[in-house]
C-alpha atoms as a PDB file:
ATOM      1  CA  MET A   1     108.341 102.645 124.124  1.00  0.00           C
ATOM      2  CA  GLU A   2     111.720 103.118 125.799  1.00  0.00           C
ATOM      3  CA  PRO A   3     113.184  99.771 124.609  1.00  0.00           C
ATOM      4  CA  LEU A   4     112.158 100.682 121.060  1.00  0.00           C
ATOM      5  CA  GLN A   5     113.767 104.139 120.955  1.00  0.00           C
ATOM      6  CA  ARG A   6     116.942 102.965 119.236  1.00  0.00           C
ATOM      7  CA  ASP A   7     114.928 101.293 116.472  1.00  0.00           C
ATOM      8  CA  ILE A   8     112.687 104.340 116.112  1.00  0.00           C
ATOM      9  CA  ARG A   9     115.696 106.668 115.834  1.00  0.00           C
ATOM     10  CA  ARG A  10     117.182 104.473 113.094  1.00  0.00           C
ATOM     11  CA  ILE A  11     113.877 104.455 111.188  1.00  0.00           C
ATOM     12  CA  GLU A  12     113.584 108.243 111.543  1.00  0.00           C
ATOM     13  CA  LEU A  13     117.126 108.655 110.255  1.00  0.00           C
ATOM     14  CA  PHE A  14     116.340 106.544 107.192  1.00  0.00           C
ATOM     15  CA  TRP A  15     113.161 108.560 106.664  1.00  0.00           C
ATOM     16  CA  LYS A  16     114.931 111.931 106.982  1.00  0.00           C
ATOM     17  CA  THR A  17     117.575 110.899 104.455  1.00  0.00           C
ATOM     18  CA  ASP A  18     114.972 109.693 101.914  1.00  0.00           C
ATOM     19  CA  LEU A  19     115.883 106.053 102.411  1.00  0.00           C
ATOM     20  CA  ASN A  20     112.217 105.180 102.724  1.00  0.00           C
ATOM     21  CA  ASN A  21     112.544 101.567 101.581  1.00  0.00           C
ATOM     22  CA  GLN A  22     115.122 100.969 104.291  1.00  0.00           C
ATOM     23  CA  ALA A  23     112.852 102.695 106.824  1.00  0.00           C
ATOM     24  CA  ARG A  24     110.006 100.396 105.801  1.00  0.00           C
ATOM     25  CA  GLN A  25     112.188  97.285 106.051  1.00  0.00           C
ATOM     26  CA  GLU A  26     113.319  98.339 109.528  1.00  0.00           C
ATOM     27  CA  TRP A  27     109.703  98.999 110.524  1.00  0.00           C
ATOM     28  CA  ILE A  28     108.566  95.558 109.348  1.00  0.00           C
ATOM     29  CA  GLN A  29     111.418  93.906 111.251  1.00  0.00           C
ATOM     30  CA  LEU A  30     110.567  95.919 114.362  1.00  0.00           C
ATOM     31  CA  LEU A  31     106.918  94.852 114.175  1.00  0.00           C
ATOM     32  CA  ARG A  32     107.928  91.203 113.781  1.00  0.00           C
ATOM     33  CA  ARG A  33     110.127  91.392 116.883  1.00  0.00           C
ATOM     34  CA  THR A  34     107.524  93.220 118.974  1.00  0.00           C
ATOM     35  CA  ARG A  35     105.139  90.838 120.717  1.00  0.00           C
ATOM     36  CA  ASN A  36     103.879  93.171 123.422  1.00  0.00           C
ATOM     37  CA  THR A  37     100.485  94.706 122.561  1.00  0.00           C
ATOM     38  CA  ALA A  38     101.226  97.889 124.499  1.00  0.00           C
ATOM     39  CA  GLN A  39     104.421  98.389 122.500  1.00  0.00           C
ATOM     40  CA  LEU A  40     102.568  97.778 119.220  1.00  0.00           C
ATOM     41  CA  GLU A  41     100.001 100.377 120.284  1.00  0.00           C
ATOM     42  CA  ALA A  42     102.800 102.819 121.071  1.00  0.00           C
ATOM     43  CA  LEU A  43     104.371 102.158 117.668  1.00  0.00           C
ATOM     44  CA  ALA A  44     101.060 102.648 115.848  1.00  0.00           C
ATOM     45  CA  ASN A  45     100.461 105.875 117.748  1.00  0.00           C
ATOM     46  CA  HIS A  46     103.983 107.132 117.033  1.00  0.00           C
ATOM     47  CA  ALA A  47     103.612 106.344 113.330  1.00  0.00           C
ATOM     48  CA  SER A  48     100.245 108.079 113.224  1.00  0.00           C
ATOM     49  CA  HIS A  49     101.635 111.243 114.830  1.00  0.00           C
ATOM     50  CA  ARG A  50     104.566 111.249 112.386  1.00  0.00           C
ATOM     51  CA  GLN A  51     102.084 110.786 109.509  1.00  0.00           C
ATOM     52  CA  TRP A  52     103.712 107.505 108.539  1.00  0.00           C
ATOM     53  CA  HIS A  53     100.306 106.257 107.460  1.00  0.00           C
ATOM     54  CA  ASN A  54     101.380 102.918 106.038  1.00  0.00           C
ATOM     55  CA  PHE A  55     103.396 102.253 109.197  1.00  0.00           C
ATOM     56  CA  SER A  56     100.451 102.949 111.512  1.00  0.00           C
ATOM     57  CA  ILE A  57      98.253 100.671 109.384  1.00  0.00           C
ATOM     58  CA  GLU A  58     100.813  97.858 109.591  1.00  0.00           C
ATOM     59  CA  ALA A  59     101.270  98.242 113.360  1.00  0.00           C
ATOM     60  CA  ALA A  60      97.516  98.297 114.000  1.00  0.00           C
ATOM     61  CA  ILE A  61      96.987  95.167 111.927  1.00  0.00           C
ATOM     62  CA  GLN A  62      99.942  93.380 113.536  1.00  0.00           C
ATOM     63  CA  GLY A  63      98.588  94.231 116.989  1.00  0.00           C
ATOM     64  CA  GLY A  64      95.012  93.235 116.183  1.00  0.00           C
ATOM     65  CA  MET A  65      93.814  96.775 116.892  1.00  0.00           C
ATOM     66  CA  HIS A  66      90.832  96.551 114.578  1.00  0.00           C
ATOM     67  CA  ASP A  67      88.783  99.183 116.408  1.00  0.00           C
ATOM     68  CA  VAL A  68      91.370 101.969 116.275  1.00  0.00           C
ATOM     69  CA  LEU A  69      90.209 103.418 112.985  1.00  0.00           C
ATOM     70  CA  VAL A  70      92.511 106.445 113.066  1.00  0.00           C
ATOM     71  CA  TRP A  71      95.456 104.016 112.789  1.00  0.00           C
ATOM     72  CA  ARG A  72      93.906 101.489 110.420  1.00  0.00           C
ATOM     73  CA  PHE A  73      92.105 103.963 108.155  1.00  0.00           C
ATOM     74  CA  PRO A  74      93.896 107.309 108.430  1.00  0.00           C
ATOM     75  CA  ILE A  75      92.682 110.309 106.495  1.00  0.00           C
ATOM     76  CA  ALA A  76      95.877 111.026 104.610  1.00  0.00           C
ATOM     77  CA  PHE A  77      96.594 113.588 101.875  1.00  0.00           C
ATOM     78  CA  ARG A  78      93.137 115.084 102.454  1.00  0.00           C
ATOM     79  CA  GLU A  79      93.697 118.306 100.502  1.00  0.00           C
ATOM     80  CA  ASP A  80      94.921 116.351  97.483  1.00  0.00           C
ATOM     81  CA  PHE A  81      91.859 114.083  97.548  1.00  0.00           C
ATOM     82  CA  VAL A  82      89.522 117.089  97.765  1.00  0.00           C
ATOM     83  CA  GLN A  83      91.290 118.790  94.846  1.00  0.00           C
ATOM     84  CA  VAL A  84      91.245 115.685  92.663  1.00  0.00           C
ATOM     85  CA  GLU A  85      87.568 115.022  93.374  1.00  0.00           C
ATOM     86  CA  LYS A  86      86.798 118.440  91.871  1.00  0.00           C
ATOM     87  CA  THR A  87      88.726 117.792  88.672  1.00  0.00           C
ATOM     88  CA  SER A  88      87.894 114.123  88.108  1.00  0.00           C
ATOM     89  CA  GLY A  89      84.369 113.921  89.477  1.00  0.00           C
ATOM     90  CA  VAL A  90      85.267 110.792  91.464  1.00  0.00           C
ATOM     91  CA  ASP A  91      84.214 110.876  95.107  1.00  0.00           C
ATOM     92  CA  GLN A  92      87.156 111.592  97.425  1.00  0.00           C
ATOM     93  CA  TRP A  93      86.109 108.808  99.824  1.00  0.00           C
ATOM     94  CA  LEU A  94      86.136 106.263  97.016  1.00  0.00           C
ATOM     95  CA  LEU A  95      89.586 107.490  96.021  1.00  0.00           C
ATOM     96  CA  MET A  96      90.767 107.219  99.637  1.00  0.00           C
ATOM     97  CA  ALA A  97      89.436 103.669  99.817  1.00  0.00           C
ATOM     98  CA  VAL A  98      91.337 102.737  96.657  1.00  0.00           C
ATOM     99  CA  ALA A  99      94.552 104.364  97.908  1.00  0.00           C
ATOM    100  CA  ARG A 100      94.190 102.660 101.303  1.00  0.00           C
ATOM    101  CA  ARG A 101      93.737  99.266  99.655  1.00  0.00           C
ATOM    102  CA  GLU A 102      96.320  99.649  96.904  1.00  0.00           C
ATOM    103  CA  SER A 103      99.187 101.352  98.740  1.00  0.00           C
ATOM    104  CA  ALA A 104      98.194 101.779 102.409  1.00  0.00           C
ATOM    105  CA  PHE A 105      98.741 105.496 101.709  1.00  0.00           C
ATOM    106  CA  ASN A 106     102.391 104.931 100.858  1.00  0.00           C
ATOM    107  CA  PRO A 107     103.179 107.435  98.079  1.00  0.00           C
ATOM    108  CA  GLU A 108     106.309 105.475  97.151  1.00  0.00           C
ATOM    109  CA  ALA A 109     104.617 102.078  96.905  1.00  0.00           C
ATOM    110  CA  ARG A 110     105.852  99.887  94.058  1.00  0.00           C
ATOM    111  CA  SER A 111     104.169  96.623  93.159  1.00  0.00           C
ATOM    112  CA  HIS A 112     105.912  93.580  91.742  1.00  0.00           C
ATOM    113  CA  ALA A 113     103.919  94.179  88.544  1.00  0.00           C
ATOM    114  CA  GLY A 114     105.326  97.715  88.231  1.00  0.00           C
ATOM    115  CA  ALA A 115     102.410  99.815  89.506  1.00  0.00           C
ATOM    116  CA  LEU A 116     103.510 102.989  91.300  1.00  0.00           C
ATOM    117  CA  GLY A 117     102.362 105.442  93.933  1.00  0.00           C
ATOM    118  CA  LEU A 118      99.300 105.967  96.090  1.00  0.00           C
ATOM    119  CA  MET A 119      96.898 104.774  93.419  1.00  0.00           C
ATOM    120  CA  GLN A 120      99.214 102.083  92.014  1.00  0.00           C
ATOM    121  CA  VAL A 121      99.114 103.391  88.454  1.00  0.00           C
ATOM    122  CA  MET A 122     100.938 101.401  85.809  1.00  0.00           C
ATOM    123  CA  PRO A 123     103.351 103.623  83.835  1.00  0.00           C
ATOM    124  CA  ALA A 124     101.837 102.492  80.517  1.00  0.00           C
ATOM    125  CA  THR A 125      98.363 103.462  81.755  1.00  0.00           C
ATOM    126  CA  ALA A 126      99.676 106.867  82.812  1.00  0.00           C
ATOM    127  CA  ILE A 127     101.184 107.425  79.360  1.00  0.00           C
ATOM    128  CA  MET A 128      97.879 106.478  77.719  1.00  0.00           C
ATOM    129  CA  LEU A 129      95.965 108.852  80.015  1.00  0.00           C
ATOM    130  CA  ALA A 130      98.450 111.652  79.350  1.00  0.00           C
ATOM    131  CA  GLN A 131      97.933 111.278  75.608  1.00  0.00           C
ATOM    132  CA  ARG A 132      94.132 111.284  75.978  1.00  0.00           C
ATOM    133  CA  GLN A 133      94.075 114.244  78.369  1.00  0.00           C
ATOM    134  CA  GLY A 134      96.765 116.276  76.604  1.00  0.00           C
ATOM    135  CA  TRP A 135      99.002 116.117  79.666  1.00  0.00           C
ATOM    136  CA  PRO A 136     102.791 115.918  79.526  1.00  0.00           C
ATOM    137  CA  ARG A 137     104.168 112.390  79.464  1.00  0.00           C
ATOM    138  CA  PRO A 138     104.847 111.446  83.108  1.00  0.00           C
ATOM    139  CA  ALA A 139     108.144 110.069  84.297  1.00  0.00           C
ATOM    140  CA  GLN A 140     107.956 107.154  86.718  1.00  0.00           C
ATOM    141  CA  ALA A 141     109.146 109.478  89.488  1.00  0.00           C
ATOM    142  CA  ASP A 142     106.090 111.676  88.835  1.00  0.00           C
ATOM    143  CA  LEU A 143     103.782 108.783  89.702  1.00  0.00           C
ATOM    144  CA  LEU A 144     105.385 108.644  93.155  1.00  0.00           C
ATOM    145  CA  LYS A 145     104.124 112.164  93.909  1.00  0.00           C
ATOM    146  CA  PRO A 146     100.807 111.910  95.785  1.00  0.00           C
ATOM    147  CA  LEU A 147      98.895 114.517  93.786  1.00  0.00           C
ATOM    148  CA  THR A 148     100.114 113.204  90.427  1.00  0.00           C
ATOM    149  CA  SER A 149      99.256 109.615  91.330  1.00  0.00           C
ATOM    150  CA  LEU A 150      95.812 110.736  92.456  1.00  0.00           C
ATOM    151  CA  GLN A 151      95.236 112.691  89.249  1.00  0.00           C
ATOM    152  CA  TYR A 152      96.113 109.762  87.025  1.00  0.00           C
ATOM    153  CA  GLY A 153      94.397 107.187  89.220  1.00  0.00           C
ATOM    154  CA  SER A 154      91.190 109.203  89.544  1.00  0.00           C
ATOM    155  CA  HIS A 155      90.924 109.861  85.825  1.00  0.00           C
ATOM    156  CA  TYR A 156      91.503 106.198  85.075  1.00  0.00           C
ATOM    157  CA  LEU A 157      88.909 105.204  87.676  1.00  0.00           C
ATOM    158  CA  SER A 158      86.390 107.697  86.254  1.00  0.00           C
ATOM    159  CA  GLN A 159      86.729 105.994  82.866  1.00  0.00           C
ATOM    160  CA  MET A 160      86.107 102.600  84.466  1.00  0.00           C
ATOM    161  CA  LEU A 161      82.951 103.700  86.345  1.00  0.00           C
END
């Protein structure tokens, strides 16, 4: 991990200063440059310990570490999933599977189509749900908050089931 320390420090600095997109870009570049499996394992482990869930997922996939489930399928935002299961009636494990697939547990994920957050909720869908549920109209920034994204995503999913 020693040769990677400078890159890790730069990524941590971006993360600490809320420049998460830059941190992600640096992480992707670091993974592309890293060919050594042991270094990829160290990166995945570091990301997991820092709770950079999407980063540990990316490192595990890049390194072909398919059996290290704690890196590939982390249990992230557990308390939020438990809370939302109670209010929406949608199983927390189903919600985790959707969040893992849609955003790799990145609360600030943004798709090219405009979907936002852990559950990749479209802003127009969130507005429609807010009107139906009697909730305040969400700002786009609200959909980047894990609990809010889970609330909207779980209620939408419950309507689809």
